[in-house]
Amino acid sequence: MADRCQVSRQAINAIETERYDPSLPLAFTIADVFGLTIEEIFRPDRTEDPGTPA
C-alpha cells in the first residue's frame, strides 16, 4: 500500500490508526487504490455497522 501511494509504511499506519489525516492528493490516491471514493473511505461519521444509516 505504501509503495502504491508513494509514502512510508509509517504514514499508512498513522492514517489507519487515525493519528494522521492524509492530504487531499494522498486521499484520492488511496481511494483509487481501493476503487472507492474518498467519501467512502474517509467519512468522519461512518459507523462500524454497515446497516446503520450515516
C-alpha atoms as a PDB file:
ATOM      1  CA  MET A   1       0.000   0.000   0.000  1.00  0.00           C
ATOM      2  CA  ALA A   2       2.733   2.430   0.968  1.00  0.00           C
ATOM      3  CA  ASP A   3       4.602   1.735  -2.265  1.00  0.00           C
ATOM      4  CA  ARG A   4       1.488   2.241  -4.383  1.00  0.00           C
ATOM      5  CA  CYS A   5       0.800   5.551  -2.629  1.00  0.00           C
ATOM      6  CA  GLN A   6       4.468   6.593  -2.631  1.00  0.00           C
ATOM      7  CA  VAL A   7       4.525   7.216   1.126  1.00  0.00           C
ATOM      8  CA  SER A   8       6.153   5.468   4.064  1.00  0.00           C
ATOM      9  CA  ARG A   9       4.665   2.489   5.862  1.00  0.00           C
ATOM     10  CA  GLN A  10       4.565   4.691   8.951  1.00  0.00           C
ATOM     11  CA  ALA A  11       2.342   7.192   7.113  1.00  0.00           C
ATOM     12  CA  ILE A  12      -0.114   4.440   6.157  1.00  0.00           C
ATOM     13  CA  ASN A  13      -0.119   3.149   9.735  1.00  0.00           C
ATOM     14  CA  ALA A  14      -0.771   6.647  11.100  1.00  0.00           C
ATOM     15  CA  ILE A  15      -3.721   7.053   8.709  1.00  0.00           C
ATOM     16  CA  GLU A  16      -5.111   3.634   9.659  1.00  0.00           C
ATOM     17  CA  THR A  17      -4.886   4.404  13.374  1.00  0.00           C
ATOM     18  CA  GLU A  18      -6.411   7.870  12.875  1.00  0.00           C
ATOM     19  CA  ARG A  19      -3.290   9.672  14.114  1.00  0.00           C
ATOM     20  CA  TYR A  20      -2.860  11.452  10.763  1.00  0.00           C
ATOM     21  CA  ASP A  21      -5.253  12.828   8.167  1.00  0.00           C
ATOM     22  CA  PRO A  22      -3.860  12.450   4.658  1.00  0.00           C
ATOM     23  CA  SER A  23      -3.538  15.343   2.251  1.00  0.00           C
ATOM     24  CA  LEU A  24      -6.251  15.575  -0.376  1.00  0.00           C
ATOM     25  CA  PRO A  25      -3.995  14.231  -3.173  1.00  0.00           C
ATOM     26  CA  LEU A  26      -2.999  11.277  -0.964  1.00  0.00           C
ATOM     27  CA  ALA A  27      -6.637  10.646  -0.048  1.00  0.00           C
ATOM     28  CA  PHE A  28      -7.514  10.465  -3.756  1.00  0.00           C
ATOM     29  CA  THR A  29      -4.609   8.068  -4.357  1.00  0.00           C
ATOM     30  CA  ILE A  30      -5.714   5.794  -1.518  1.00  0.00           C
ATOM     31  CA  ALA A  31      -9.298   5.831  -2.771  1.00  0.00           C
ATOM     32  CA  ASP A  32      -8.096   4.995  -6.282  1.00  0.00           C
ATOM     33  CA  VAL A  33      -6.095   2.016  -4.978  1.00  0.00           C
ATOM     34  CA  PHE A  34      -9.280   0.594  -3.447  1.00  0.00           C
ATOM     35  CA  GLY A  35     -11.557   1.643  -6.309  1.00  0.00           C
ATOM     36  CA  LEU A  36     -13.661   3.789  -3.967  1.00  0.00           C
ATOM     37  CA  THR A  37     -14.405   7.478  -3.492  1.00  0.00           C
ATOM     38  CA  ILE A  38     -12.676   9.454  -0.754  1.00  0.00           C
ATOM     39  CA  GLU A  39     -16.059   9.870   0.958  1.00  0.00           C
ATOM     40  CA  GLU A  40     -16.466   6.099   1.179  1.00  0.00           C
ATOM     41  CA  ILE A  41     -13.105   5.782   2.929  1.00  0.00           C
ATOM     42  CA  PHE A  42     -12.700   8.950   4.956  1.00  0.00           C
ATOM     43  CA  ARG A  43     -16.229   9.871   6.065  1.00  0.00           C
ATOM     44  CA  PRO A  44     -15.779  11.025   9.669  1.00  0.00           C
ATOM     45  CA  ASP A  45     -19.297   9.930  10.656  1.00  0.00           C
ATOM     46  CA  ARG A  46     -19.069   6.379   9.359  1.00  0.00           C
ATOM     47  CA  THR A  47     -20.052   3.590  11.728  1.00  0.00           C
ATOM     48  CA  GLU A  48     -18.747   0.084  12.184  1.00  0.00           C
ATOM     49  CA  ASP A  49     -22.215  -1.323  11.381  1.00  0.00           C
ATOM     50  CA  PRO A  50     -22.807  -1.006   7.634  1.00  0.00           C
ATOM     51  CA  GLY A  51     -26.561  -1.419   8.221  1.00  0.00           C
ATOM     52  CA  THR A  52     -26.741   1.763  10.273  1.00  0.00           C
ATOM     53  CA  PRO A  53     -27.604   4.871   8.226  1.00  0.00           C
ATOM     54  CA  ALA A  54     -24.937   7.546   8.326  1.00  0.00           C
END
